[in-house]
Amino acid sequence: MNNNDNETANRFNQFSEELRGKIDNLLKQVLLIASGIQTITIGAFLSGKAPKLPTDAITLLQNGWLALSISIVCVLIFMLFQIIGLVQVGRLHIKKIESGSSDLEILKGWKPLRILNVIIGFGAVCFCIGGVYLISQSAMLLISSTGT
């Protein structure tokens, strides 16, 4: 492998790590937002003075909780699939080392797993956004019903 190939591989590795870091940060934000909102809103109902909500607001709130729960599950599945993909890449790397090959090759996980992870990742973000929206709508109905 010549110096130019080495430099290209190093840049690709740096890009991959930066991208993985940004994805991990986004997933942590989804987990933080989804679990935080659920904790606060569910806690309000478990306290001694649960708010009295209009029927429409209750439905929005329930759907918001469901969407946030789905987003949390999606993030956990995404993380599990990332681990499975990294194990698969590690096995490919071991095979390459054992074969004595020094060719520049980009090792990547199974394509179906990568596609599924993209779908699950987008799903997690979309369900989190949807859950936040639904709970916000529920809160606005609560505020408008108490103001009249």
C-alpha atoms as a PDB file:
ATOM      1  CA  MET A   1       0.000   0.000   0.000  1.00  0.00           C
ATOM      2  CA  ASN A   2       1.506   3.335  -1.001  1.00  0.00           C
ATOM      3  CA  ASN A   3       1.510   6.559   1.018  1.00  0.00           C
ATOM      4  CA  ASN A   4      -1.441   8.055  -0.913  1.00  0.00           C
ATOM      5  CA  ASP A   5      -3.592   4.978  -0.175  1.00  0.00           C
ATOM      6  CA  ASN A   6      -2.613   5.186   3.480  1.00  0.00           C
ATOM      7  CA  GLU A   7      -3.605   8.839   3.657  1.00  0.00           C
ATOM      8  CA  THR A   8      -6.941   8.121   1.972  1.00  0.00           C
ATOM      9  CA  ALA A   9      -7.650   5.271   4.398  1.00  0.00           C
ATOM     10  CA  ASN A  10      -6.817   7.523   7.350  1.00  0.00           C
ATOM     11  CA  ARG A  11      -9.166  10.248   6.079  1.00  0.00           C
ATOM     12  CA  PHE A  12     -11.925   7.692   5.564  1.00  0.00           C
ATOM     13  CA  ASN A  13     -11.410   6.305   9.077  1.00  0.00           C
ATOM     14  CA  GLN A  14     -11.560   9.823  10.523  1.00  0.00           C
ATOM     15  CA  PHE A  15     -14.736  10.574   8.565  1.00  0.00           C
ATOM     16  CA  SER A  16     -16.305   7.292   9.719  1.00  0.00           C
ATOM     17  CA  GLU A  17     -15.530   8.038  13.359  1.00  0.00           C
ATOM     18  CA  GLU A  18     -16.906  11.578  13.120  1.00  0.00           C
ATOM     19  CA  LEU A  19     -20.089  10.319  11.470  1.00  0.00           C
ATOM     20  CA  ARG A  20     -20.499   7.557  14.055  1.00  0.00           C
ATOM     21  CA  GLY A  21     -20.005  10.134  16.818  1.00  0.00           C
ATOM     22  CA  LYS A  22     -22.676  12.418  15.374  1.00  0.00           C
ATOM     23  CA  ILE A  23     -25.098   9.512  15.025  1.00  0.00           C
ATOM     24  CA  ASP A  24     -24.407   8.450  18.625  1.00  0.00           C
ATOM     25  CA  ASN A  25     -24.987  12.014  19.848  1.00  0.00           C
ATOM     26  CA  LEU A  26     -28.274  12.250  17.954  1.00  0.00           C
ATOM     27  CA  LEU A  27     -29.430   8.939  19.418  1.00  0.00           C
ATOM     28  CA  LYS A  28     -28.511  10.084  22.919  1.00  0.00           C
ATOM     29  CA  GLN A  29     -30.542  13.257  22.371  1.00  0.00           C
ATOM     30  CA  VAL A  30     -33.543  11.214  21.216  1.00  0.00           C
ATOM     31  CA  LEU A  31     -33.242   9.022  24.322  1.00  0.00           C
ATOM     32  CA  LEU A  32     -32.875  12.049  26.587  1.00  0.00           C
ATOM     33  CA  ILE A  33     -35.828  13.924  25.095  1.00  0.00           C
ATOM     34  CA  ALA A  34     -38.144  10.914  24.875  1.00  0.00           C
ATOM     35  CA  SER A  35     -37.397   9.565  28.330  1.00  0.00           C
ATOM     36  CA  GLY A  36     -37.339  13.019  29.925  1.00  0.00           C
ATOM     37  CA  ILE A  37     -40.723  14.034  28.554  1.00  0.00           C
ATOM     38  CA  GLN A  38     -42.216  10.687  29.505  1.00  0.00           C
ATOM     39  CA  THR A  39     -40.828  10.935  33.022  1.00  0.00           C
ATOM     40  CA  ILE A  40     -42.190  14.438  33.535  1.00  0.00           C
ATOM     41  CA  THR A  41     -45.629  13.832  32.062  1.00  0.00           C
ATOM     42  CA  ILE A  42     -46.177  10.403  33.603  1.00  0.00           C
ATOM     43  CA  GLY A  43     -44.915  11.759  36.917  1.00  0.00           C
ATOM     44  CA  ALA A  44     -47.582  14.465  36.763  1.00  0.00           C
ATOM     45  CA  PHE A  45     -50.270  11.781  36.590  1.00  0.00           C
ATOM     46  CA  LEU A  46     -48.779   9.633  39.327  1.00  0.00           C
ATOM     47  CA  SER A  47     -48.554  12.559  41.738  1.00  0.00           C
ATOM     48  CA  GLY A  48     -51.368  13.288  44.167  1.00  0.00           C
ATOM     49  CA  LYS A  49     -52.764  16.092  41.983  1.00  0.00           C
ATOM     50  CA  ALA A  50     -53.076  14.668  38.482  1.00  0.00           C
ATOM     51  CA  PRO A  51     -54.294  17.291  35.999  1.00  0.00           C
ATOM     52  CA  LYS A  52     -57.839  16.944  34.653  1.00  0.00           C
ATOM     53  CA  LEU A  53     -57.527  16.773  30.890  1.00  0.00           C
ATOM     54  CA  PRO A  54     -60.178  17.039  28.194  1.00  0.00           C
ATOM     55  CA  THR A  55     -60.828  13.767  26.349  1.00  0.00           C
ATOM     56  CA  ASP A  56     -59.016  15.014  23.223  1.00  0.00           C
ATOM     57  CA  ALA A  57     -55.958  15.913  25.292  1.00  0.00           C
ATOM     58  CA  ILE A  58     -55.904  12.480  26.924  1.00  0.00           C
ATOM     59  CA  THR A  59     -55.905  10.812  23.506  1.00  0.00           C
ATOM     60  CA  LEU A  60     -53.091  13.088  22.294  1.00  0.00           C
ATOM     61  CA  LEU A  61     -51.116  12.432  25.457  1.00  0.00           C
ATOM     62  CA  GLN A  62     -51.522   8.659  25.168  1.00  0.00           C
ATOM     63  CA  ASN A  63     -50.466   8.721  21.520  1.00  0.00           C
ATOM     64  CA  GLY A  64     -47.520  10.961  22.428  1.00  0.00           C
ATOM     65  CA  TRP A  65     -46.397   8.506  25.113  1.00  0.00           C
ATOM     66  CA  LEU A  66     -46.706   5.654  22.630  1.00  0.00           C
ATOM     67  CA  ALA A  67     -44.664   7.528  20.001  1.00  0.00           C
ATOM     68  CA  LEU A  68     -41.953   8.361  22.552  1.00  0.00           C
ATOM     69  CA  SER A  69     -41.873   4.739  23.723  1.00  0.00           C
ATOM     70  CA  ILE A  70     -41.507   3.548  20.133  1.00  0.00           C
ATOM     71  CA  SER A  71     -38.656   6.012  19.592  1.00  0.00           C
ATOM     72  CA  ILE A  72     -36.842   4.675  22.672  1.00  0.00           C
ATOM     73  CA  VAL A  73     -37.265   1.085  21.478  1.00  0.00           C
ATOM     74  CA  CYS A  74     -36.040   2.071  17.986  1.00  0.00           C
ATOM     75  CA  VAL A  75     -32.908   3.649  19.458  1.00  0.00           C
ATOM     76  CA  LEU A  76     -32.176   0.525  21.488  1.00  0.00           C
ATOM     77  CA  ILE A  77     -32.675  -1.725  18.442  1.00  0.00           C
ATOM     78  CA  PHE A  78     -30.476   0.622  16.388  1.00  0.00           C
ATOM     79  CA  MET A  79     -27.709   0.370  18.975  1.00  0.00           C
ATOM     80  CA  LEU A  80     -28.002  -3.420  19.078  1.00  0.00           C
ATOM     81  CA  PHE A  81     -27.802  -3.623  15.289  1.00  0.00           C
ATOM     82  CA  GLN A  82     -24.748  -1.342  15.315  1.00  0.00           C
ATOM     83  CA  ILE A  83     -23.020  -3.730  17.684  1.00  0.00           C
ATOM     84  CA  ILE A  84     -23.943  -6.692  15.479  1.00  0.00           C
ATOM     85  CA  GLY A  85     -22.592  -4.820  12.446  1.00  0.00           C
ATOM     86  CA  LEU A  86     -19.334  -3.956  14.219  1.00  0.00           C
ATOM     87  CA  VAL A  87     -18.857  -7.582  15.253  1.00  0.00           C
ATOM     88  CA  GLN A  88     -19.373  -8.627  11.633  1.00  0.00           C
ATOM     89  CA  VAL A  89     -16.831  -6.034  10.430  1.00  0.00           C
ATOM     90  CA  GLY A  90     -14.412  -7.253  13.099  1.00  0.00           C
ATOM     91  CA  ARG A  91     -14.744 -10.811  11.833  1.00  0.00           C
ATOM     92  CA  LEU A  92     -14.080  -9.645   8.265  1.00  0.00           C
ATOM     93  CA  HIS A  93     -11.013  -7.766   9.510  1.00  0.00           C
ATOM     94  CA  ILE A  94      -9.711 -10.853  11.299  1.00  0.00           C
ATOM     95  CA  LYS A  95     -10.186 -12.944   8.132  1.00  0.00           C
ATOM     96  CA  LYS A  96      -8.295 -10.322   6.116  1.00  0.00           C
ATOM     97  CA  ILE A  97      -5.412 -10.297   8.595  1.00  0.00           C
ATOM     98  CA  GLU A  98      -5.294 -14.092   8.718  1.00  0.00           C
ATOM     99  CA  SER A  99      -5.249 -14.321   4.925  1.00  0.00           C
ATOM    100  CA  GLY A 100      -2.228 -12.008   4.836  1.00  0.00           C
ATOM    101  CA  SER A 101      -3.918  -9.620   2.419  1.00  0.00           C
ATOM    102  CA  SER A 102      -2.598  -6.057   2.472  1.00  0.00           C
ATOM    103  CA  ASP A 103      -4.960  -4.677  -0.175  1.00  0.00           C
ATOM    104  CA  LEU A 104      -6.844  -1.503   0.670  1.00  0.00           C
ATOM    105  CA  GLU A 105     -10.422  -2.563   1.254  1.00  0.00           C
ATOM    106  CA  ILE A 106     -13.333  -0.919   2.977  1.00  0.00           C
ATOM    107  CA  LEU A 107     -14.840  -3.405   5.370  1.00  0.00           C
ATOM    108  CA  LYS A 108     -18.496  -2.892   6.042  1.00  0.00           C
ATOM    109  CA  GLY A 109     -21.359  -4.712   7.714  1.00  0.00           C
ATOM    110  CA  TRP A 110     -24.138  -6.563   5.948  1.00  0.00           C
ATOM    111  CA  LYS A 111     -26.018  -4.326   3.550  1.00  0.00           C
ATOM    112  CA  PRO A 112     -29.501  -5.388   4.780  1.00  0.00           C
ATOM    113  CA  LEU A 113     -28.435  -4.571   8.342  1.00  0.00           C
ATOM    114  CA  ARG A 114     -27.149  -1.151   7.316  1.00  0.00           C
ATOM    115  CA  ILE A 115     -30.365  -0.370   5.409  1.00  0.00           C
ATOM    116  CA  LEU A 116     -32.477  -1.562   8.340  1.00  0.00           C
ATOM    117  CA  ASN A 117     -30.432   0.603  10.698  1.00  0.00           C
ATOM    118  CA  VAL A 118     -31.000   3.692   8.569  1.00  0.00           C
ATOM    119  CA  ILE A 119     -34.749   3.033   8.558  1.00  0.00           C
ATOM    120  CA  ILE A 120     -34.828   2.376  12.314  1.00  0.00           C
ATOM    121  CA  GLY A 121     -32.696   5.461  13.013  1.00  0.00           C
ATOM    122  CA  PHE A 122     -34.963   7.724  10.986  1.00  0.00           C
ATOM    123  CA  GLY A 123     -37.951   6.069  12.629  1.00  0.00           C
ATOM    124  CA  ALA A 124     -36.568   6.818  16.081  1.00  0.00           C
ATOM    125  CA  VAL A 125     -36.108  10.496  15.252  1.00  0.00           C
ATOM    126  CA  CYS A 126     -39.532  10.774  13.571  1.00  0.00           C
ATOM    127  CA  PHE A 127     -41.370   9.054  16.429  1.00  0.00           C
ATOM    128  CA  CYS A 128     -39.569  11.287  18.941  1.00  0.00           C
ATOM    129  CA  ILE A 129     -40.572  14.415  17.007  1.00  0.00           C
ATOM    130  CA  GLY A 130     -44.121  13.112  16.662  1.00  0.00           C
ATOM    131  CA  GLY A 131     -44.326  12.304  20.376  1.00  0.00           C
ATOM    132  CA  VAL A 132     -43.079  15.740  21.362  1.00  0.00           C
ATOM    133  CA  TYR A 133     -45.615  17.317  18.999  1.00  0.00           C
ATOM    134  CA  LEU A 134     -48.530  15.249  20.355  1.00  0.00           C
ATOM    135  CA  ILE A 135     -47.655  15.963  23.970  1.00  0.00           C
ATOM    136  CA  SER A 136     -47.295  19.654  23.146  1.00  0.00           C
ATOM    137  CA  GLN A 137     -50.741  19.623  21.544  1.00  0.00           C
ATOM    138  CA  SER A 138     -52.120  17.909  24.648  1.00  0.00           C
ATOM    139  CA  ALA A 139     -50.538  20.556  26.872  1.00  0.00           C
ATOM    140  CA  MET A 140     -52.017  23.327  24.744  1.00  0.00           C
ATOM    141  CA  LEU A 141     -55.480  21.765  25.079  1.00  0.00           C
ATOM    142  CA  LEU A 142     -54.990  21.548  28.850  1.00  0.00           C
ATOM    143  CA  ILE A 143     -53.998  25.209  29.018  1.00  0.00           C
ATOM    144  CA  SER A 144     -56.869  26.331  26.796  1.00  0.00           C
ATOM    145  CA  SER A 145     -59.397  24.291  28.801  1.00  0.00           C
ATOM    146  CA  THR A 146     -58.253  25.719  32.134  1.00  0.00           C
ATOM    147  CA  GLY A 147     -58.346  29.262  30.799  1.00  0.00           C
ATOM    148  CA  THR A 148     -62.072  29.156  30.041  1.00  0.00           C
END
